[in-house]
Amino acid sequence: MNPNEPKVLRRDAAQNRQRLLDAAERVFTESGMDASVDEIARVAGVGMGTLYRRFPTKEALISALVRKLMDDLVAIAKTARDRTDGRGLEQLLYGTGEVIASQRGCLPRLWSDEETKALKAEYWRIMTELLIAAKAAGRIRADLTDTDIEVQFWAMRGVIETTRGVTDTAWKRHLALCIAGMRPGAEELVEAPLAERLARRVSSR
């Protein structure tokens, strides 16, 4: 066996791990990331010993959730890349919104987590490809930049967090309005796009 390959868990251990991840998503969404691991174990229906065998620290549990979230986002990006009509960017935006709206508890760590840098880089590479394709198809204005899309994600996160517990769909209307403003023929943009170095500073917060 290759020592670098991830260890395959027994069926019961894998089920316990998934129960803990599902419970953590629920607890963090309802109570924020300050929620205790005791509550997560209770919701998962397992003992604290089981939790600590799977996740030695709360940080390890959070990192696993963020990785799962980024895996889902990369999968959505790859699916959107298969489109040939220039609509892949829009599909990616809505798909990303669906994922982060359903897993709000980890949003503060989504773009700043150091353990998932490679996944985030892959996601942004695909997003840039989709932006280029959307421009070529005449779906998106030519002066839109990748940092404009990144700012849109920050705005969408703000809507999702602000409307938590009130409505789960406000972000969709907000996104539809933003996409309408991205169409060719809209008014000329006066402000310059956010510089990439500044976007990185914001994302790291």
C-alpha atoms as a PDB file:
ATOM      1  CA  MET A   1       0.000   0.000   0.000  1.00  0.00           C
ATOM      2  CA  ASN A   2       1.230   3.469  -0.856  1.00  0.00           C
ATOM      3  CA  PRO A   3       1.854   5.303   2.471  1.00  0.00           C
ATOM      4  CA  ASN A   4       0.820   8.580   0.823  1.00  0.00           C
ATOM      5  CA  GLU A   5      -2.644   7.322  -0.075  1.00  0.00           C
ATOM      6  CA  PRO A   6      -5.479   8.395   2.287  1.00  0.00           C
ATOM      7  CA  LYS A   7      -6.470   5.755   4.799  1.00  0.00           C
ATOM      8  CA  VAL A   8      -9.723   3.979   3.957  1.00  0.00           C
ATOM      9  CA  LEU A   9     -12.063   3.994   6.947  1.00  0.00           C
ATOM     10  CA  ARG A  10     -14.161   1.044   8.019  1.00  0.00           C
ATOM     11  CA  ARG A  11     -17.812   1.371   7.114  1.00  0.00           C
ATOM     12  CA  ASP A  12     -18.949   2.237  10.644  1.00  0.00           C
ATOM     13  CA  ALA A  13     -16.103   4.716  11.096  1.00  0.00           C
ATOM     14  CA  ALA A  14     -16.922   6.359   7.770  1.00  0.00           C
ATOM     15  CA  GLN A  15     -20.591   6.603   8.753  1.00  0.00           C
ATOM     16  CA  ASN A  16     -19.695   8.212  12.072  1.00  0.00           C
ATOM     17  CA  ARG A  17     -17.436  10.679  10.293  1.00  0.00           C
ATOM     18  CA  GLN A  18     -20.211  11.652   7.891  1.00  0.00           C
ATOM     19  CA  ARG A  19     -22.718  11.991  10.746  1.00  0.00           C
ATOM     20  CA  LEU A  20     -20.323  14.349  12.505  1.00  0.00           C
ATOM     21  CA  LEU A  21     -19.807  16.436   9.371  1.00  0.00           C
ATOM     22  CA  ASP A  22     -23.556  16.650   8.765  1.00  0.00           C
ATOM     23  CA  ALA A  23     -24.153  17.595  12.392  1.00  0.00           C
ATOM     24  CA  ALA A  24     -21.406  20.207  12.313  1.00  0.00           C
ATOM     25  CA  GLU A  25     -22.938  21.807   9.213  1.00  0.00           C
ATOM     26  CA  ARG A  26     -26.278  22.006  10.979  1.00  0.00           C
ATOM     27  CA  VAL A  27     -24.932  23.265  14.306  1.00  0.00           C
ATOM     28  CA  PHE A  28     -22.578  25.836  12.787  1.00  0.00           C
ATOM     29  CA  THR A  29     -25.360  27.087  10.514  1.00  0.00           C
ATOM     30  CA  GLU A  30     -27.785  27.478  13.417  1.00  0.00           C
ATOM     31  CA  SER A  31     -25.381  28.697  16.109  1.00  0.00           C
ATOM     32  CA  GLY A  32     -22.264  29.952  14.336  1.00  0.00           C
ATOM     33  CA  MET A  33     -18.727  28.612  14.505  1.00  0.00           C
ATOM     34  CA  ASP A  34     -18.470  29.327  18.230  1.00  0.00           C
ATOM     35  CA  ALA A  35     -20.799  26.380  18.862  1.00  0.00           C
ATOM     36  CA  SER A  36     -19.307  23.629  21.030  1.00  0.00           C
ATOM     37  CA  VAL A  37     -18.155  20.234  19.790  1.00  0.00           C
ATOM     38  CA  ASP A  38     -20.256  18.720  22.597  1.00  0.00           C
ATOM     39  CA  GLU A  39     -23.370  19.972  20.808  1.00  0.00           C
ATOM     40  CA  ILE A  40     -22.110  18.582  17.506  1.00  0.00           C
ATOM     41  CA  ALA A  41     -21.536  15.155  19.047  1.00  0.00           C
ATOM     42  CA  ARG A  42     -25.025  15.256  20.609  1.00  0.00           C
ATOM     43  CA  VAL A  43     -26.688  16.132  17.290  1.00  0.00           C
ATOM     44  CA  ALA A  44     -24.648  13.435  15.519  1.00  0.00           C
ATOM     45  CA  GLY A  45     -25.682  10.866  18.129  1.00  0.00           C
ATOM     46  CA  VAL A  46     -22.123   9.820  18.957  1.00  0.00           C
ATOM     47  CA  GLY A  47     -19.914  10.076  22.003  1.00  0.00           C
ATOM     48  CA  MET A  48     -17.112  12.570  22.471  1.00  0.00           C
ATOM     49  CA  GLY A  49     -14.572   9.780  22.133  1.00  0.00           C
ATOM     50  CA  THR A  50     -15.863   9.008  18.643  1.00  0.00           C
ATOM     51  CA  LEU A  51     -15.742  12.687  17.706  1.00  0.00           C
ATOM     52  CA  TYR A  52     -12.135  13.073  18.836  1.00  0.00           C
ATOM     53  CA  ARG A  53     -11.060   9.886  17.053  1.00  0.00           C
ATOM     54  CA  ARG A  54     -12.355  11.289  13.787  1.00  0.00           C
ATOM     55  CA  PHE A  55     -11.464  14.934  14.466  1.00  0.00           C
ATOM     56  CA  PRO A  56      -8.821  15.483  17.177  1.00  0.00           C
ATOM     57  CA  THR A  57      -9.621  19.206  17.373  1.00  0.00           C
ATOM     58  CA  LYS A  58     -12.468  21.524  16.508  1.00  0.00           C
ATOM     59  CA  GLU A  59     -10.165  23.122  13.947  1.00  0.00           C
ATOM     60  CA  ALA A  60      -9.748  19.748  12.223  1.00  0.00           C
ATOM     61  CA  LEU A  61     -13.525  19.419  12.006  1.00  0.00           C
ATOM     62  CA  ILE A  62     -13.905  22.902  10.532  1.00  0.00           C
ATOM     63  CA  SER A  63     -11.132  22.222   8.009  1.00  0.00           C
ATOM     64  CA  ALA A  64     -12.860  19.020   6.905  1.00  0.00           C
ATOM     65  CA  LEU A  65     -16.107  20.919   6.373  1.00  0.00           C
ATOM     66  CA  VAL A  66     -14.381  23.625   4.345  1.00  0.00           C
ATOM     67  CA  ARG A  67     -12.648  20.992   2.200  1.00  0.00           C
ATOM     68  CA  LYS A  68     -15.970  19.275   1.523  1.00  0.00           C
ATOM     69  CA  LEU A  69     -17.461  22.631   0.592  1.00  0.00           C
ATOM     70  CA  MET A  70     -14.614  23.436  -1.791  1.00  0.00           C
ATOM     71  CA  ASP A  71     -14.804  19.954  -3.336  1.00  0.00           C
ATOM     72  CA  ASP A  72     -18.479  20.631  -4.078  1.00  0.00           C
ATOM     73  CA  LEU A  73     -17.698  24.046  -5.572  1.00  0.00           C
ATOM     74  CA  VAL A  74     -14.983  22.663  -7.847  1.00  0.00           C
ATOM     75  CA  ALA A  75     -17.375  19.947  -9.037  1.00  0.00           C
ATOM     76  CA  ILE A  76     -19.964  22.628  -9.862  1.00  0.00           C
ATOM     77  CA  ALA A  77     -17.324  24.641 -11.738  1.00  0.00           C
ATOM     78  CA  LYS A  78     -16.289  21.616 -13.810  1.00  0.00           C
ATOM     79  CA  THR A  79     -19.905  20.913 -14.729  1.00  0.00           C
ATOM     80  CA  ALA A  80     -20.429  24.541 -15.753  1.00  0.00           C
ATOM     81  CA  ARG A  81     -17.312  24.359 -17.929  1.00  0.00           C
ATOM     82  CA  ASP A  82     -19.006  21.706 -20.078  1.00  0.00           C
ATOM     83  CA  ARG A  83     -21.450  24.282 -21.447  1.00  0.00           C
ATOM     84  CA  THR A  84     -20.733  25.641 -24.905  1.00  0.00           C
ATOM     85  CA  ASP A  85     -23.298  28.468 -25.052  1.00  0.00           C
ATOM     86  CA  GLY A  86     -21.498  31.017 -22.883  1.00  0.00           C
ATOM     87  CA  ARG A  87     -23.882  30.478 -19.962  1.00  0.00           C
ATOM     88  CA  GLY A  88     -21.435  28.507 -17.857  1.00  0.00           C
ATOM     89  CA  LEU A  89     -20.488  31.529 -15.748  1.00  0.00           C
ATOM     90  CA  GLU A  90     -24.105  32.146 -14.805  1.00  0.00           C
ATOM     91  CA  GLN A  91     -24.523  28.462 -13.983  1.00  0.00           C
ATOM     92  CA  LEU A  92     -21.435  28.645 -11.782  1.00  0.00           C
ATOM     93  CA  LEU A  93     -22.710  31.738  -9.952  1.00  0.00           C
ATOM     94  CA  TYR A  94     -26.074  30.179  -9.149  1.00  0.00           C
ATOM     95  CA  GLY A  95     -24.537  26.811  -8.268  1.00  0.00           C
ATOM     96  CA  THR A  96     -22.072  28.468  -5.905  1.00  0.00           C
ATOM     97  CA  GLY A  97     -24.915  30.385  -4.285  1.00  0.00           C
ATOM     98  CA  GLU A  98     -26.894  27.192  -3.725  1.00  0.00           C
ATOM     99  CA  VAL A  99     -23.955  25.504  -2.008  1.00  0.00           C
ATOM    100  CA  ILE A 100     -22.957  28.337   0.300  1.00  0.00           C
ATOM    101  CA  ALA A 101     -26.592  29.134   1.156  1.00  0.00           C
ATOM    102  CA  SER A 102     -27.097  25.552   2.317  1.00  0.00           C
ATOM    103  CA  GLN A 103     -23.881  25.529   4.385  1.00  0.00           C
ATOM    104  CA  ARG A 104     -23.742  28.975   5.929  1.00  0.00           C
ATOM    105  CA  GLY A 105     -21.848  27.914   9.005  1.00  0.00           C
ATOM    106  CA  CYS A 106     -18.471  27.785   7.256  1.00  0.00           C
ATOM    107  CA  LEU A 107     -18.780  30.940   5.181  1.00  0.00           C
ATOM    108  CA  PRO A 108     -16.319  32.944   7.309  1.00  0.00           C
ATOM    109  CA  ARG A 109     -13.612  30.381   6.453  1.00  0.00           C
ATOM    110  CA  LEU A 110     -14.540  29.553   2.874  1.00  0.00           C
ATOM    111  CA  TRP A 111     -12.081  31.767   0.999  1.00  0.00           C
ATOM    112  CA  SER A 112      -9.427  32.229   3.692  1.00  0.00           C
ATOM    113  CA  ASP A 113      -8.744  28.592   4.633  1.00  0.00           C
ATOM    114  CA  GLU A 114      -5.089  27.737   3.936  1.00  0.00           C
ATOM    115  CA  GLU A 115      -5.637  23.979   3.675  1.00  0.00           C
ATOM    116  CA  THR A 116      -7.754  24.293   0.530  1.00  0.00           C
ATOM    117  CA  LYS A 117      -5.598  26.724  -1.453  1.00  0.00           C
ATOM    118  CA  ALA A 118      -5.133  24.274  -4.337  1.00  0.00           C
ATOM    119  CA  LEU A 119      -8.871  23.676  -4.633  1.00  0.00           C
ATOM    120  CA  LYS A 120      -9.595  27.396  -4.561  1.00  0.00           C
ATOM    121  CA  ALA A 121      -6.965  27.988  -7.254  1.00  0.00           C
ATOM    122  CA  GLU A 122      -8.625  25.366  -9.451  1.00  0.00           C
ATOM    123  CA  TYR A 123     -12.039  26.905  -8.871  1.00  0.00           C
ATOM    124  CA  TRP A 124     -10.811  30.387  -9.844  1.00  0.00           C
ATOM    125  CA  ARG A 125      -9.020  29.053 -12.922  1.00  0.00           C
ATOM    126  CA  ILE A 126     -12.248  27.546 -14.182  1.00  0.00           C
ATOM    127  CA  MET A 127     -14.200  30.680 -13.268  1.00  0.00           C
ATOM    128  CA  THR A 128     -11.778  32.756 -15.345  1.00  0.00           C
ATOM    129  CA  GLU A 129     -12.256  30.388 -18.299  1.00  0.00           C
ATOM    130  CA  LEU A 130     -16.024  30.766 -17.956  1.00  0.00           C
ATOM    131  CA  LEU A 131     -15.734  34.555 -17.797  1.00  0.00           C
ATOM    132  CA  ILE A 132     -13.748  34.569 -21.040  1.00  0.00           C
ATOM    133  CA  ALA A 133     -16.283  32.249 -22.695  1.00  0.00           C
ATOM    134  CA  ALA A 134     -19.201  34.421 -21.527  1.00  0.00           C
ATOM    135  CA  LYS A 135     -17.587  37.511 -23.033  1.00  0.00           C
ATOM    136  CA  ALA A 136     -16.888  35.704 -26.301  1.00  0.00           C
ATOM    137  CA  ALA A 137     -20.540  34.625 -26.482  1.00  0.00           C
ATOM    138  CA  GLY A 138     -21.754  38.171 -25.855  1.00  0.00           C
ATOM    139  CA  ARG A 139     -23.387  37.204 -22.562  1.00  0.00           C
ATOM    140  CA  ILE A 140     -21.207  39.434 -20.340  1.00  0.00           C
ATOM    141  CA  ARG A 141     -19.791  42.927 -20.830  1.00  0.00           C
ATOM    142  CA  ALA A 142     -16.198  43.056 -22.057  1.00  0.00           C
ATOM    143  CA  ASP A 143     -14.841  45.175 -19.168  1.00  0.00           C
ATOM    144  CA  LEU A 144     -15.886  42.754 -16.414  1.00  0.00           C
ATOM    145  CA  THR A 145     -12.953  41.291 -14.464  1.00  0.00           C
ATOM    146  CA  ASP A 146     -12.425  38.248 -12.292  1.00  0.00           C
ATOM    147  CA  THR A 147     -12.199  40.462  -9.204  1.00  0.00           C
ATOM    148  CA  ASP A 148     -15.641  41.858 -10.107  1.00  0.00           C
ATOM    149  CA  ILE A 149     -16.926  38.285  -9.843  1.00  0.00           C
ATOM    150  CA  GLU A 150     -15.119  37.845  -6.540  1.00  0.00           C
ATOM    151  CA  VAL A 151     -16.773  40.968  -5.142  1.00  0.00           C
ATOM    152  CA  GLN A 152     -20.104  39.516  -6.275  1.00  0.00           C
ATOM    153  CA  PHE A 153     -19.427  36.450  -4.137  1.00  0.00           C
ATOM    154  CA  TRP A 154     -18.728  38.682  -1.122  1.00  0.00           C
ATOM    155  CA  ALA A 155     -22.001  40.503  -1.734  1.00  0.00           C
ATOM    156  CA  MET A 156     -23.892  37.232  -2.094  1.00  0.00           C
ATOM    157  CA  ARG A 157     -22.416  35.975   1.160  1.00  0.00           C
ATOM    158  CA  GLY A 158     -23.577  39.174   2.860  1.00  0.00           C
ATOM    159  CA  VAL A 159     -27.146  38.696   1.617  1.00  0.00           C
ATOM    160  CA  ILE A 160     -27.150  35.045   2.677  1.00  0.00           C
ATOM    161  CA  GLU A 161     -25.862  35.830   6.178  1.00  0.00           C
ATOM    162  CA  THR A 162     -28.110  38.864   6.666  1.00  0.00           C
ATOM    163  CA  THR A 163     -31.311  37.045   5.666  1.00  0.00           C
ATOM    164  CA  ARG A 164     -30.544  33.873   7.632  1.00  0.00           C
ATOM    165  CA  GLY A 165     -33.644  32.624   9.433  1.00  0.00           C
ATOM    166  CA  VAL A 166     -35.921  34.936   7.427  1.00  0.00           C
ATOM    167  CA  THR A 167     -35.662  33.775   3.821  1.00  0.00           C
ATOM    168  CA  ASP A 168     -33.479  31.383   1.859  1.00  0.00           C
ATOM    169  CA  THR A 169     -34.059  32.931  -1.579  1.00  0.00           C
ATOM    170  CA  ALA A 170     -33.229  36.653  -1.320  1.00  0.00           C
ATOM    171  CA  TRP A 171     -29.723  35.987  -2.644  1.00  0.00           C
ATOM    172  CA  LYS A 172     -31.178  34.642  -5.904  1.00  0.00           C
ATOM    173  CA  ARG A 173     -32.946  37.902  -6.733  1.00  0.00           C
ATOM    174  CA  HIS A 174     -29.858  39.868  -5.744  1.00  0.00           C
ATOM    175  CA  LEU A 175     -27.727  37.696  -8.030  1.00  0.00           C
ATOM    176  CA  ALA A 176     -30.219  38.039 -10.909  1.00  0.00           C
ATOM    177  CA  LEU A 177     -30.039  41.831 -10.589  1.00  0.00           C
ATOM    178  CA  CYS A 178     -26.237  41.729 -10.579  1.00  0.00           C
ATOM    179  CA  ILE A 179     -26.111  39.488 -13.636  1.00  0.00           C
ATOM    180  CA  ALA A 180     -28.473  41.889 -15.421  1.00  0.00           C
ATOM    181  CA  GLY A 181     -25.936  44.632 -14.732  1.00  0.00           C
ATOM    182  CA  MET A 182     -23.187  42.484 -16.238  1.00  0.00           C
ATOM    183  CA  ARG A 183     -24.890  42.318 -19.626  1.00  0.00           C
ATOM    184  CA  PRO A 184     -23.367  44.112 -22.620  1.00  0.00           C
ATOM    185  CA  GLY A 185     -24.961  47.471 -23.357  1.00  0.00           C
ATOM    186  CA  ALA A 186     -25.224  48.555 -19.730  1.00  0.00           C
ATOM    187  CA  GLU A 187     -23.842  51.948 -18.736  1.00  0.00           C
ATOM    188  CA  GLU A 188     -20.090  52.459 -18.752  1.00  0.00           C
ATOM    189  CA  LEU A 189     -18.420  51.692 -15.448  1.00  0.00           C
ATOM    190  CA  VAL A 190     -16.814  54.733 -13.832  1.00  0.00           C
ATOM    191  CA  GLU A 191     -14.954  53.013 -11.015  1.00  0.00           C
ATOM    192  CA  ALA A 192     -11.909  50.878 -11.835  1.00  0.00           C
ATOM    193  CA  PRO A 193     -12.065  47.183 -10.922  1.00  0.00           C
ATOM    194  CA  LEU A 194     -10.612  46.079  -7.598  1.00  0.00           C
ATOM    195  CA  ALA A 195      -6.910  45.268  -7.932  1.00  0.00           C
ATOM    196  CA  GLU A 196      -6.093  41.607  -7.434  1.00  0.00           C
ATOM    197  CA  ARG A 197      -3.673  42.342  -4.559  1.00  0.00           C
ATOM    198  CA  LEU A 198      -6.482  44.141  -2.710  1.00  0.00           C
ATOM    199  CA  ALA A 199      -8.910  41.316  -3.407  1.00  0.00           C
ATOM    200  CA  ARG A 200      -6.415  38.870  -1.839  1.00  0.00           C
ATOM    201  CA  ARG A 201      -6.151  41.085   1.256  1.00  0.00           C
ATOM    202  CA  VAL A 202      -9.911  41.115   1.646  1.00  0.00           C
ATOM    203  CA  SER A 203     -10.262  37.360   1.070  1.00  0.00           C
ATOM    204  CA  SER A 204      -7.708  36.616   3.769  1.00  0.00           C
ATOM    205  CA  ARG A 205      -9.740  38.360   6.457  1.00  0.00           C
END
